[in-house]
Amino acid sequence: MVKIGNLEVGEFPLLLAPMEDVSDPPFRAVCKENGADLMYTEFISAEGLIRDASKSLQKLDIYEYERPIGIQIFGEKIDSMKLAAERAEAARPELIDINYGCPVKKVALKGAGAGILHDIPKMERMTREIVNQVSLPVTVKTRLGWDENTIKIVEVALRLQDAGIKALTIHGRTRQQMYKGTANWELIREVKNHPEVEIPIFGNGDISSPETALKYKNEFSVDGIMIGRASIGYPWIFNEIKHYFKTGKIAPPPNLDERVKVVKKHLKFSIEWKGEKKGVFEMRRHYSNYFKGINNFKPVRMKLVTTDDYREINDILNEIPLKFGSKAHVA
């Protein structure tokens, strides 16, 4: 059983990555129903939290059906991160997670996210201060380094462990790579197999199928895997991976009836959380991913992303299985 502090998260947990504009409560709801073991909020600005910015405060919303869940924060100022961690703890998650991996220019070039990889001593100080500030387990997500010439991930892991974190997720790319190229899981394995590393190590990057998940589980010795982009429009991936681990067989993909059912749930949660106008608008980014691979789907997608009325959208969704075949499996 993998434990993060005293929190048990399963024999080999599958984690939903904290993705900006994706991993909100409506999306987390459908991922939880489809097998995610541990999830994180979208990353939350420490400065936004301590200044009561409405967007940051809304990201603190968590629901009982999501548990266990971690709230992820980012920032470059140690004092702000300590206060933000305190605010996050008050929202009653199971974990506080620190983002040391975001590669986006507006974050990293300010010294937050992956930007702190330029200053490992500061990373250690910030982490220790946050650990001392809260009573919940603190975890970290980071990258291998800033670029190929600054990879010190084993040193980082040991220093963060010494600072008191209870688990570490490593995205197997440098900040310079962004999301391009191939994730280097051999360096993740090097961390996991280091004799002084005692905390759980989770791997992230390029998990796109049940076969990849099992291969990486067996080959790289990690305690669990975090899934990001592969879950967008496809929350079924978590249960499909578990099915493959258990049986060695690939589960059939969801047919159109099943896809429409989950999309309608996602839309319903979105409206309940954000209100109809915003819930409908922000759901638009998801339709092409949910129905990827359907021939001649563009006219239907255009209707979905230009319709403002919730009831009309439901009607369009109900027509999809009738138009394309309810039991059709999407390639």
C-alpha atoms as a PDB file:
ATOM      1  CA  MET A   1       0.000   0.000   0.000  1.00  0.00           C
ATOM      2  CA  VAL A   2       1.413   3.389  -1.009  1.00  0.00           C
ATOM      3  CA  LYS A   3       1.167   5.985   1.755  1.00  0.00           C
ATOM      4  CA  ILE A   4       1.642   9.732   1.587  1.00  0.00           C
ATOM      5  CA  GLY A   5       2.208  10.492   5.232  1.00  0.00           C
ATOM      6  CA  ASN A   6      -0.671   8.606   6.853  1.00  0.00           C
ATOM      7  CA  LEU A   7      -2.863   8.759   3.730  1.00  0.00           C
ATOM      8  CA  GLU A   8      -3.279   5.455   1.926  1.00  0.00           C
ATOM      9  CA  VAL A   9      -3.689   5.925  -1.835  1.00  0.00           C
ATOM     10  CA  GLY A  10      -3.748   2.349  -3.134  1.00  0.00           C
ATOM     11  CA  GLU A  11      -1.314  -0.344  -4.221  1.00  0.00           C
ATOM     12  CA  PHE A  12      -0.296   1.537  -7.360  1.00  0.00           C
ATOM     13  CA  PRO A  13      -2.208   4.814  -7.493  1.00  0.00           C
ATOM     14  CA  LEU A  14      -3.203   6.565 -10.701  1.00  0.00           C
ATOM     15  CA  LEU A  15      -3.065  10.331 -10.221  1.00  0.00           C
ATOM     16  CA  LEU A  16      -4.831  13.005 -12.232  1.00  0.00           C
ATOM     17  CA  ALA A  17      -2.394  15.783 -13.072  1.00  0.00           C
ATOM     18  CA  PRO A  18      -3.154  19.372 -12.065  1.00  0.00           C
ATOM     19  CA  MET A  19      -3.834  20.980 -15.463  1.00  0.00           C
ATOM     20  CA  GLU A  20      -4.714  24.645 -15.810  1.00  0.00           C
ATOM     21  CA  ASP A  21      -8.183  25.186 -17.314  1.00  0.00           C
ATOM     22  CA  VAL A  22      -8.796  21.425 -17.290  1.00  0.00           C
ATOM     23  CA  SER A  23      -8.579  19.886 -13.794  1.00  0.00           C
ATOM     24  CA  ASP A  24     -11.516  21.765 -12.298  1.00  0.00           C
ATOM     25  CA  PRO A  25     -14.205  20.112 -10.128  1.00  0.00           C
ATOM     26  CA  PRO A  26     -16.454  19.106 -13.094  1.00  0.00           C
ATOM     27  CA  PHE A  27     -13.588  17.360 -14.885  1.00  0.00           C
ATOM     28  CA  ARG A  28     -12.317  15.828 -11.655  1.00  0.00           C
ATOM     29  CA  ALA A  29     -15.806  14.431 -11.032  1.00  0.00           C
ATOM     30  CA  VAL A  30     -15.836  12.379 -14.229  1.00  0.00           C
ATOM     31  CA  CYS A  31     -12.228  11.280 -13.705  1.00  0.00           C
ATOM     32  CA  LYS A  32     -13.033  10.100 -10.185  1.00  0.00           C
ATOM     33  CA  GLU A  33     -16.016   8.116 -11.464  1.00  0.00           C
ATOM     34  CA  ASN A  34     -13.710   6.507 -14.003  1.00  0.00           C
ATOM     35  CA  GLY A  35     -10.955   5.350 -11.687  1.00  0.00           C
ATOM     36  CA  ALA A  36      -8.619   8.199 -10.676  1.00  0.00           C
ATOM     37  CA  ASP A  37      -7.194   7.425  -7.218  1.00  0.00           C
ATOM     38  CA  LEU A  38      -5.777  10.824  -6.290  1.00  0.00           C
ATOM     39  CA  MET A  39      -6.397  14.180  -7.918  1.00  0.00           C
ATOM     40  CA  TYR A  40      -5.098  17.709  -7.646  1.00  0.00           C
ATOM     41  CA  THR A  41      -6.692  21.079  -8.233  1.00  0.00           C
ATOM     42  CA  GLU A  42      -5.554  23.344 -11.018  1.00  0.00           C
ATOM     43  CA  PHE A  43      -2.483  25.192  -9.814  1.00  0.00           C
ATOM     44  CA  ILE A  44      -3.379  28.223  -7.719  1.00  0.00           C
ATOM     45  CA  SER A  45      -1.398  31.443  -7.543  1.00  0.00           C
ATOM     46  CA  ALA A  46      -0.106  32.149  -4.053  1.00  0.00           C
ATOM     47  CA  GLU A  47      -0.361  35.885  -4.705  1.00  0.00           C
ATOM     48  CA  GLY A  48      -3.929  35.463  -5.899  1.00  0.00           C
ATOM     49  CA  LEU A  49      -4.893  33.495  -2.803  1.00  0.00           C
ATOM     50  CA  ILE A  50      -3.478  35.910  -0.277  1.00  0.00           C
ATOM     51  CA  ARG A  51      -5.070  38.842  -2.106  1.00  0.00           C
ATOM     52  CA  ASP A  52      -8.475  37.117  -2.229  1.00  0.00           C
ATOM     53  CA  ALA A  53      -8.591  37.078  -6.044  1.00  0.00           C
ATOM     54  CA  SER A  54     -11.899  35.471  -6.995  1.00  0.00           C
ATOM     55  CA  LYS A  55     -10.387  33.158  -9.623  1.00  0.00           C
ATOM     56  CA  SER A  56      -7.841  31.807  -7.153  1.00  0.00           C
ATOM     57  CA  LEU A  57     -10.391  31.421  -4.358  1.00  0.00           C
ATOM     58  CA  GLN A  58     -12.786  29.498  -6.607  1.00  0.00           C
ATOM     59  CA  LYS A  59     -10.048  26.969  -7.330  1.00  0.00           C
ATOM     60  CA  LEU A  60     -10.109  26.037  -3.628  1.00  0.00           C
ATOM     61  CA  ASP A  61     -13.535  24.454  -4.123  1.00  0.00           C
ATOM     62  CA  ILE A  62     -13.415  20.737  -3.398  1.00  0.00           C
ATOM     63  CA  TYR A  63     -16.215  18.221  -2.890  1.00  0.00           C
ATOM     64  CA  GLU A  64     -16.550  15.084  -0.821  1.00  0.00           C
ATOM     65  CA  TYR A  65     -16.814  12.821  -3.876  1.00  0.00           C
ATOM     66  CA  GLU A  66     -13.331  13.928  -4.989  1.00  0.00           C
ATOM     67  CA  ARG A  67     -11.411  12.739  -1.967  1.00  0.00           C
ATOM     68  CA  PRO A  68      -8.556  12.219  -1.555  1.00  0.00           C
ATOM     69  CA  ILE A  69      -7.468  15.442  -3.214  1.00  0.00           C
ATOM     70  CA  GLY A  70      -4.538  17.831  -3.035  1.00  0.00           C
ATOM     71  CA  ILE A  71      -4.528  21.584  -3.539  1.00  0.00           C
ATOM     72  CA  GLN A  72      -1.591  22.744  -5.643  1.00  0.00           C
ATOM     73  CA  ILE A  73      -0.036  26.187  -5.196  1.00  0.00           C
ATOM     74  CA  PHE A  74       2.694  28.090  -7.026  1.00  0.00           C
ATOM     75  CA  GLY A  75       4.657  31.276  -6.460  1.00  0.00           C
ATOM     76  CA  GLU A  76       8.148  32.731  -6.175  1.00  0.00           C
ATOM     77  CA  LYS A  77       7.937  34.427  -2.764  1.00  0.00           C
ATOM     78  CA  ILE A  78       8.461  32.227   0.281  1.00  0.00           C
ATOM     79  CA  ASP A  79       6.287  34.319   2.612  1.00  0.00           C
ATOM     80  CA  SER A  80       3.435  34.368   0.102  1.00  0.00           C
ATOM     81  CA  MET A  81       3.675  30.609  -0.412  1.00  0.00           C
ATOM     82  CA  LYS A  82       3.521  30.023   3.348  1.00  0.00           C
ATOM     83  CA  LEU A  83       0.362  32.124   3.665  1.00  0.00           C
ATOM     84  CA  ALA A  84      -1.144  30.478   0.592  1.00  0.00           C
ATOM     85  CA  ALA A  85      -0.462  27.026   2.028  1.00  0.00           C
ATOM     86  CA  GLU A  86      -2.261  28.073   5.201  1.00  0.00           C
ATOM     87  CA  ARG A  87      -5.245  29.277   3.140  1.00  0.00           C
ATOM     88  CA  ALA A  88      -5.247  26.047   1.145  1.00  0.00           C
ATOM     89  CA  GLU A  89      -5.145  23.931   4.312  1.00  0.00           C
ATOM     90  CA  ALA A  90      -8.259  25.726   5.573  1.00  0.00           C
ATOM     91  CA  ALA A  91     -10.155  24.338   2.548  1.00  0.00           C
ATOM     92  CA  ARG A  92      -9.630  20.842   4.040  1.00  0.00           C
ATOM     93  CA  PRO A  93      -7.845  18.893   1.316  1.00  0.00           C
ATOM     94  CA  GLU A  94      -5.857  15.784   2.140  1.00  0.00           C
ATOM     95  CA  LEU A  95      -2.607  17.250   0.774  1.00  0.00           C
ATOM     96  CA  ILE A  96      -0.837  20.465  -0.099  1.00  0.00           C
ATOM     97  CA  ASP A  97       1.156  20.181  -3.331  1.00  0.00           C
ATOM     98  CA  ILE A  98       3.831  22.621  -4.485  1.00  0.00           C
ATOM     99  CA  ASN A  99       4.241  23.290  -8.186  1.00  0.00           C
ATOM    100  CA  TYR A 100       7.915  23.384  -9.111  1.00  0.00           C
ATOM    101  CA  GLY A 101       7.280  22.185 -12.650  1.00  0.00           C
ATOM    102  CA  CYS A 102       5.122  24.632 -14.635  1.00  0.00           C
ATOM    103  CA  PRO A 103       7.149  25.591 -17.737  1.00  0.00           C
ATOM    104  CA  VAL A 104       4.918  28.434 -18.944  1.00  0.00           C
ATOM    105  CA  LYS A 105       6.917  31.602 -19.566  1.00  0.00           C
ATOM    106  CA  LYS A 106       4.786  33.955 -17.445  1.00  0.00           C
ATOM    107  CA  VAL A 107       5.274  31.622 -14.443  1.00  0.00           C
ATOM    108  CA  ALA A 108       8.763  30.186 -14.884  1.00  0.00           C
ATOM    109  CA  LEU A 109      10.531  33.395 -15.858  1.00  0.00           C
ATOM    110  CA  LYS A 110       9.363  35.000 -12.613  1.00  0.00           C
ATOM    111  CA  GLY A 111      11.067  32.255 -10.626  1.00  0.00           C
ATOM    112  CA  ALA A 112       7.926  30.242  -9.840  1.00  0.00           C
ATOM    113  CA  GLY A 113       7.024  26.794 -11.166  1.00  0.00           C
ATOM    114  CA  ALA A 114       9.986  25.312 -13.035  1.00  0.00           C
ATOM    115  CA  GLY A 115      11.783  28.638 -12.661  1.00  0.00           C
ATOM    116  CA  ILE A 116      12.857  27.714  -9.144  1.00  0.00           C
ATOM    117  CA  LEU A 117      15.004  24.929 -10.617  1.00  0.00           C
ATOM    118  CA  HIS A 118      17.578  27.691 -11.156  1.00  0.00           C
ATOM    119  CA  ASP A 119      17.838  28.035  -7.370  1.00  0.00           C
ATOM    120  CA  ILE A 120      17.720  24.666  -5.627  1.00  0.00           C
ATOM    121  CA  PRO A 121      18.704  26.069  -2.201  1.00  0.00           C
ATOM    122  CA  LYS A 122      15.699  28.419  -2.389  1.00  0.00           C
ATOM    123  CA  MET A 123      13.503  25.496  -3.457  1.00  0.00           C
ATOM    124  CA  GLU A 124      14.603  23.607  -0.357  1.00  0.00           C
ATOM    125  CA  ARG A 125      14.052  26.636   1.927  1.00  0.00           C
ATOM    126  CA  MET A 126      10.609  27.344   0.512  1.00  0.00           C
ATOM    127  CA  THR A 127       9.580  23.715   0.867  1.00  0.00           C
ATOM    128  CA  ARG A 128      10.796  23.490   4.459  1.00  0.00           C
ATOM    129  CA  GLU A 129       8.936  26.682   5.394  1.00  0.00           C
ATOM    130  CA  ILE A 130       5.688  25.375   3.871  1.00  0.00           C
ATOM    131  CA  VAL A 131       6.068  21.989   5.578  1.00  0.00           C
ATOM    132  CA  ASN A 132       6.484  23.778   8.889  1.00  0.00           C
ATOM    133  CA  GLN A 133       3.521  26.062   8.202  1.00  0.00           C
ATOM    134  CA  VAL A 134       0.868  23.349   7.743  1.00  0.00           C
ATOM    135  CA  SER A 135      -0.120  20.119   9.436  1.00  0.00           C
ATOM    136  CA  LEU A 136      -1.179  18.317   6.245  1.00  0.00           C
ATOM    137  CA  PRO A 137       1.274  16.225   4.211  1.00  0.00           C
ATOM    138  CA  VAL A 138       3.128  18.324   1.636  1.00  0.00           C
ATOM    139  CA  THR A 139       4.020  16.906  -1.768  1.00  0.00           C
ATOM    140  CA  VAL A 140       5.868  18.346  -4.761  1.00  0.00           C
ATOM    141  CA  LYS A 141       5.629  18.101  -8.520  1.00  0.00           C
ATOM    142  CA  THR A 142       8.737  19.085 -10.461  1.00  0.00           C
ATOM    143  CA  ARG A 143      10.675  18.521 -13.670  1.00  0.00           C
ATOM    144  CA  LEU A 144      14.096  16.989 -14.271  1.00  0.00           C
ATOM    145  CA  GLY A 145      15.795  20.385 -14.465  1.00  0.00           C
ATOM    146  CA  TRP A 146      15.740  23.672 -16.338  1.00  0.00           C
ATOM    147  CA  ASP A 147      17.578  22.199 -19.335  1.00  0.00           C
ATOM    148  CA  GLU A 148      19.789  19.232 -20.202  1.00  0.00           C
ATOM    149  CA  ASN A 149      22.803  20.924 -18.609  1.00  0.00           C
ATOM    150  CA  THR A 150      21.159  21.576 -15.228  1.00  0.00           C
ATOM    151  CA  ILE A 151      19.600  18.224 -14.375  1.00  0.00           C
ATOM    152  CA  LYS A 152      20.111  17.545 -10.654  1.00  0.00           C
ATOM    153  CA  ILE A 153      16.919  15.616  -9.964  1.00  0.00           C
ATOM    154  CA  VAL A 154      18.482  13.141  -7.528  1.00  0.00           C
ATOM    155  CA  GLU A 155      19.898  15.998  -5.455  1.00  0.00           C
ATOM    156  CA  VAL A 156      16.537  17.793  -5.650  1.00  0.00           C
ATOM    157  CA  ALA A 157      14.661  14.700  -4.476  1.00  0.00           C
ATOM    158  CA  LEU A 158      16.976  14.173  -1.506  1.00  0.00           C
ATOM    159  CA  ARG A 159      16.876  17.830  -0.455  1.00  0.00           C
ATOM    160  CA  LEU A 160      13.087  17.997  -0.723  1.00  0.00           C
ATOM    161  CA  GLN A 161      12.755  14.757   1.226  1.00  0.00           C
ATOM    162  CA  ASP A 162      15.015  16.225   3.907  1.00  0.00           C
ATOM    163  CA  ALA A 163      12.802  19.333   3.913  1.00  0.00           C
ATOM    164  CA  GLY A 164       9.871  17.120   4.873  1.00  0.00           C
ATOM    165  CA  ILE A 165       7.810  16.337   1.770  1.00  0.00           C
ATOM    166  CA  LYS A 166       5.854  13.061   1.804  1.00  0.00           C
ATOM    167  CA  ALA A 167       5.850  12.270  -1.945  1.00  0.00           C
ATOM    168  CA  LEU A 168       7.406  13.557  -5.151  1.00  0.00           C
ATOM    169  CA  THR A 169       6.010  13.538  -8.678  1.00  0.00           C
ATOM    170  CA  ILE A 170       8.567  13.935 -11.449  1.00  0.00           C
ATOM    171  CA  HIS A 171       7.662  14.971 -14.971  1.00  0.00           C
ATOM    172  CA  GLY A 172      10.367  13.366 -17.099  1.00  0.00           C
ATOM    173  CA  ARG A 173      11.154  16.482 -19.134  1.00  0.00           C
ATOM    174  CA  THR A 174      13.175  19.626 -18.570  1.00  0.00           C
ATOM    175  CA  ARG A 175      11.585  23.063 -18.610  1.00  0.00           C
ATOM    176  CA  GLN A 176      13.314  23.746 -21.934  1.00  0.00           C
ATOM    177  CA  GLN A 177      11.516  20.773 -23.499  1.00  0.00           C
ATOM    178  CA  MET A 178       8.102  22.099 -22.456  1.00  0.00           C
ATOM    179  CA  TYR A 179       5.846  19.220 -23.628  1.00  0.00           C
ATOM    180  CA  LYS A 180       7.951  18.232 -26.638  1.00  0.00           C
ATOM    181  CA  GLY A 181      10.253  15.308 -27.168  1.00  0.00           C
ATOM    182  CA  THR A 182      10.201  12.136 -25.095  1.00  0.00           C
ATOM    183  CA  ALA A 183       9.980  12.023 -21.323  1.00  0.00           C
ATOM    184  CA  ASN A 184      13.085  10.540 -19.716  1.00  0.00           C
ATOM    185  CA  TRP A 185      11.838   7.942 -17.268  1.00  0.00           C
ATOM    186  CA  GLU A 186      15.306   6.503 -16.730  1.00  0.00           C
ATOM    187  CA  LEU A 187      16.125   9.513 -14.556  1.00  0.00           C
ATOM    188  CA  ILE A 188      12.865   9.012 -12.659  1.00  0.00           C
ATOM    189  CA  ARG A 189      13.954   5.413 -12.013  1.00  0.00           C
ATOM    190  CA  GLU A 190      17.347   6.679 -10.832  1.00  0.00           C
ATOM    191  CA  VAL A 191      15.581   8.748  -8.185  1.00  0.00           C
ATOM    192  CA  LYS A 192      13.271   5.913  -7.147  1.00  0.00           C
ATOM    193  CA  ASN A 193      16.122   3.420  -6.827  1.00  0.00           C
ATOM    194  CA  HIS A 194      18.444   5.719  -4.905  1.00  0.00           C
ATOM    195  CA  PRO A 195      19.141   4.041  -1.546  1.00  0.00           C
ATOM    196  CA  GLU A 196      18.397   7.190   0.453  1.00  0.00           C
ATOM    197  CA  VAL A 197      15.043   7.960  -1.165  1.00  0.00           C
ATOM    198  CA  GLU A 198      12.266   6.770   1.155  1.00  0.00           C
ATOM    199  CA  ILE A 199       9.210   8.734  -0.011  1.00  0.00           C
ATOM    200  CA  PRO A 200       6.884   7.565  -2.822  1.00  0.00           C
ATOM    201  CA  ILE A 201       8.014   8.598  -6.288  1.00  0.00           C
ATOM    202  CA  PHE A 202       5.367   9.091  -8.967  1.00  0.00           C
ATOM    203  CA  GLY A 203       6.228   9.315 -12.659  1.00  0.00           C
ATOM    204  CA  ASN A 204       4.614  11.645 -15.176  1.00  0.00           C
ATOM    205  CA  GLY A 205       4.984  12.081 -18.921  1.00  0.00           C
ATOM    206  CA  ASP A 206       3.932  10.172 -22.049  1.00  0.00           C
ATOM    207  CA  ILE A 207       1.470   7.793 -20.364  1.00  0.00           C
ATOM    208  CA  SER A 208      -0.948   7.497 -23.268  1.00  0.00           C
ATOM    209  CA  SER A 209      -2.299   3.939 -23.069  1.00  0.00           C
ATOM    210  CA  PRO A 210      -2.747   0.976 -20.721  1.00  0.00           C
ATOM    211  CA  GLU A 211       0.172  -0.786 -22.416  1.00  0.00           C
ATOM    212  CA  THR A 212       2.476   2.191 -21.793  1.00  0.00           C
ATOM    213  CA  ALA A 213       1.316   2.395 -18.187  1.00  0.00           C
ATOM    214  CA  LEU A 214       2.142  -1.257 -17.492  1.00  0.00           C
ATOM    215  CA  LYS A 215       5.469  -1.058 -19.320  1.00  0.00           C
ATOM    216  CA  TYR A 216       6.547   1.991 -17.339  1.00  0.00           C
ATOM    217  CA  LYS A 217       5.256   0.520 -14.074  1.00  0.00           C
ATOM    218  CA  ASN A 218       7.366  -2.588 -14.537  1.00  0.00           C
ATOM    219  CA  GLU A 219      10.406  -0.979 -16.094  1.00  0.00           C
ATOM    220  CA  PHE A 220      10.897   2.123 -13.966  1.00  0.00           C
ATOM    221  CA  SER A 221       9.903   0.943 -10.460  1.00  0.00           C
ATOM    222  CA  VAL A 222       7.746   3.979  -9.627  1.00  0.00           C
ATOM    223  CA  ASP A 223       5.116   3.894  -6.873  1.00  0.00           C
ATOM    224  CA  GLY A 224       2.368   5.238  -9.131  1.00  0.00           C
ATOM    225  CA  ILE A 225       1.834   7.281 -12.254  1.00  0.00           C
ATOM    226  CA  MET A 226       0.323  10.686 -12.937  1.00  0.00           C
ATOM    227  CA  ILE A 227      -1.752  11.125 -16.068  1.00  0.00           C
ATOM    228  CA  GLY A 228      -2.354  14.473 -17.700  1.00  0.00           C
ATOM    229  CA  ARG A 229      -3.009  15.077 -21.381  1.00  0.00           C
ATOM    230  CA  ALA A 230      -4.164  11.514 -22.072  1.00  0.00           C
ATOM    231  CA  SER A 231      -7.157  12.055 -19.767  1.00  0.00           C
ATOM    232  CA  ILE A 232      -8.425  15.173 -21.562  1.00  0.00           C
ATOM    233  CA  GLY A 233     -11.628  14.103 -23.275  1.00  0.00           C
ATOM    234  CA  TYR A 234     -10.881  10.544 -22.154  1.00  0.00           C
ATOM    235  CA  PRO A 235     -11.408  10.077 -18.393  1.00  0.00           C
ATOM    236  CA  TRP A 236     -11.910   6.360 -19.061  1.00  0.00           C
ATOM    237  CA  ILE A 237      -8.144   5.912 -19.253  1.00  0.00           C
ATOM    238  CA  PHE A 238      -7.848   5.335 -15.491  1.00  0.00           C
ATOM    239  CA  ASN A 239     -10.179   2.334 -15.397  1.00  0.00           C
ATOM    240  CA  GLU A 240      -8.783   1.050 -18.685  1.00  0.00           C
ATOM    241  CA  ILE A 241      -5.301   1.000 -17.166  1.00  0.00           C
ATOM    242  CA  LYS A 242      -6.576  -0.813 -14.069  1.00  0.00           C
ATOM    243  CA  HIS A 243      -8.400  -3.339 -16.252  1.00  0.00           C
ATOM    244  CA  TYR A 244      -5.235  -4.003 -18.235  1.00  0.00           C
ATOM    245  CA  PHE A 245      -3.147  -4.387 -15.067  1.00  0.00           C
ATOM    246  CA  LYS A 246      -5.636  -6.946 -13.754  1.00  0.00           C
ATOM    247  CA  THR A 247      -6.430  -8.948 -16.893  1.00  0.00           C
ATOM    248  CA  GLY A 248      -3.736  -8.220 -19.458  1.00  0.00           C
ATOM    249  CA  LYS A 249      -6.502  -7.360 -21.903  1.00  0.00           C
ATOM    250  CA  ILE A 250      -7.501  -4.056 -23.445  1.00  0.00           C
ATOM    251  CA  ALA A 251     -11.001  -2.981 -22.445  1.00  0.00           C
ATOM    252  CA  PRO A 252     -13.230  -1.923 -25.344  1.00  0.00           C
ATOM    253  CA  PRO A 253     -13.297   1.858 -25.741  1.00  0.00           C
ATOM    254  CA  PRO A 254     -16.446   3.726 -24.757  1.00  0.00           C
ATOM    255  CA  ASN A 255     -19.098   3.795 -27.451  1.00  0.00           C
ATOM    256  CA  LEU A 256     -21.022   6.912 -28.366  1.00  0.00           C
ATOM    257  CA  ASP A 257     -23.782   6.254 -25.844  1.00  0.00           C
ATOM    258  CA  GLU A 258     -21.179   6.098 -23.084  1.00  0.00           C
ATOM    259  CA  ARG A 259     -19.339   9.166 -24.349  1.00  0.00           C
ATOM    260  CA  VAL A 260     -22.493  11.249 -24.499  1.00  0.00           C
ATOM    261  CA  LYS A 261     -23.466  10.125 -20.998  1.00  0.00           C
ATOM    262  CA  VAL A 262     -20.158  11.328 -19.533  1.00  0.00           C
ATOM    263  CA  VAL A 263     -20.178  14.572 -21.522  1.00  0.00           C
ATOM    264  CA  LYS A 264     -23.662  15.355 -20.193  1.00  0.00           C
ATOM    265  CA  LYS A 265     -22.464  14.701 -16.629  1.00  0.00           C
ATOM    266  CA  HIS A 266     -19.437  16.904 -17.198  1.00  0.00           C
ATOM    267  CA  LEU A 267     -21.644  19.673 -18.590  1.00  0.00           C
ATOM    268  CA  LYS A 268     -24.119  19.357 -15.718  1.00  0.00           C
ATOM    269  CA  PHE A 269     -21.325  19.614 -13.113  1.00  0.00           C
ATOM    270  CA  SER A 270     -19.844  22.554 -15.011  1.00  0.00           C
ATOM    271  CA  ILE A 271     -23.107  24.500 -14.881  1.00  0.00           C
ATOM    272  CA  GLU A 272     -23.724  23.645 -11.241  1.00  0.00           C
ATOM    273  CA  TRP A 273     -20.261  24.902 -10.308  1.00  0.00           C
ATOM    274  CA  LYS A 274     -19.901  27.957 -12.551  1.00  0.00           C
ATOM    275  CA  GLY A 275     -23.460  28.935 -13.445  1.00  0.00           C
ATOM    276  CA  GLU A 276     -25.116  28.317 -16.794  1.00  0.00           C
ATOM    277  CA  LYS A 277     -23.479  31.027 -18.887  1.00  0.00           C
ATOM    278  CA  LYS A 278     -19.891  30.347 -17.813  1.00  0.00           C
ATOM    279  CA  GLY A 279     -20.429  26.604 -17.450  1.00  0.00           C
ATOM    280  CA  VAL A 280     -21.674  26.305 -21.036  1.00  0.00           C
ATOM    281  CA  PHE A 281     -18.906  28.536 -22.382  1.00  0.00           C
ATOM    282  CA  GLU A 282     -16.025  26.772 -20.637  1.00  0.00           C
ATOM    283  CA  MET A 283     -17.322  23.340 -21.593  1.00  0.00           C
ATOM    284  CA  ARG A 284     -16.736  24.197 -25.250  1.00  0.00           C
ATOM    285  CA  ARG A 285     -13.032  23.398 -25.015  1.00  0.00           C
ATOM    286  CA  HIS A 286     -13.819  19.753 -24.226  1.00  0.00           C
ATOM    287  CA  TYR A 287     -16.145  18.615 -27.035  1.00  0.00           C
ATOM    288  CA  SER A 288     -13.538  18.014 -29.732  1.00  0.00           C
ATOM    289  CA  ASN A 289     -11.534  15.804 -27.353  1.00  0.00           C
ATOM    290  CA  TYR A 290     -14.535  13.762 -26.216  1.00  0.00           C
ATOM    291  CA  PHE A 291     -15.577  13.040 -29.787  1.00  0.00           C
ATOM    292  CA  LYS A 292     -12.171  12.846 -31.423  1.00  0.00           C
ATOM    293  CA  GLY A 293     -12.052  10.308 -34.255  1.00  0.00           C
ATOM    294  CA  ILE A 294     -15.655  10.559 -35.443  1.00  0.00           C
ATOM    295  CA  ASN A 295     -15.809  11.117 -39.177  1.00  0.00           C
ATOM    296  CA  ASN A 296     -17.733  14.194 -40.324  1.00  0.00           C
ATOM    297  CA  PHE A 297     -18.234  15.416 -36.745  1.00  0.00           C
ATOM    298  CA  LYS A 298     -17.249  19.028 -37.429  1.00  0.00           C
ATOM    299  CA  PRO A 299     -20.793  20.330 -38.158  1.00  0.00           C
ATOM    300  CA  VAL A 300     -22.037  18.874 -34.864  1.00  0.00           C
ATOM    301  CA  ARG A 301     -19.072  20.289 -32.960  1.00  0.00           C
ATOM    302  CA  MET A 302     -19.740  23.719 -34.440  1.00  0.00           C
ATOM    303  CA  LYS A 303     -23.305  23.556 -33.154  1.00  0.00           C
ATOM    304  CA  LEU A 304     -22.075  22.532 -29.700  1.00  0.00           C
ATOM    305  CA  VAL A 305     -19.590  25.404 -29.454  1.00  0.00           C
ATOM    306  CA  THR A 306     -21.946  28.100 -30.758  1.00  0.00           C
ATOM    307  CA  THR A 307     -25.050  27.209 -28.751  1.00  0.00           C
ATOM    308  CA  ASP A 308     -25.592  29.075 -25.496  1.00  0.00           C
ATOM    309  CA  ASP A 309     -28.672  27.284 -24.197  1.00  0.00           C
ATOM    310  CA  TYR A 310     -28.050  24.289 -21.927  1.00  0.00           C
ATOM    311  CA  ARG A 311     -31.219  22.492 -23.052  1.00  0.00           C
ATOM    312  CA  GLU A 312     -30.338  22.890 -26.719  1.00  0.00           C
ATOM    313  CA  ILE A 313     -26.870  21.495 -26.090  1.00  0.00           C
ATOM    314  CA  ASN A 314     -28.413  18.470 -24.377  1.00  0.00           C
ATOM    315  CA  ASP A 315     -30.631  17.977 -27.413  1.00  0.00           C
ATOM    316  CA  ILE A 316     -27.614  18.101 -29.723  1.00  0.00           C
ATOM    317  CA  LEU A 317     -25.784  15.597 -27.532  1.00  0.00           C
ATOM    318  CA  ASN A 318     -28.794  13.259 -27.571  1.00  0.00           C
ATOM    319  CA  GLU A 319     -28.790  13.324 -31.369  1.00  0.00           C
ATOM    320  CA  ILE A 320     -25.158  12.207 -31.686  1.00  0.00           C
ATOM    321  CA  PRO A 321     -25.739   8.455 -31.098  1.00  0.00           C
ATOM    322  CA  LEU A 322     -28.751   8.573 -33.428  1.00  0.00           C
ATOM    323  CA  LYS A 323     -26.725  10.261 -36.153  1.00  0.00           C
ATOM    324  CA  PHE A 324     -23.516   8.263 -35.900  1.00  0.00           C
ATOM    325  CA  GLY A 325     -24.683   4.972 -34.339  1.00  0.00           C
ATOM    326  CA  SER A 326     -25.209   4.549 -30.604  1.00  0.00           C
ATOM    327  CA  LYS A 327     -22.924   1.550 -30.181  1.00  0.00           C
ATOM    328  CA  ALA A 328     -20.209   2.830 -32.488  1.00  0.00           C
ATOM    329  CA  HIS A 329     -16.735   2.727 -30.997  1.00  0.00           C
ATOM    330  CA  VAL A 330     -14.603   5.720 -31.846  1.00  0.00           C
ATOM    331  CA  ALA A 331     -11.261   4.952 -33.450  1.00  0.00           C
END
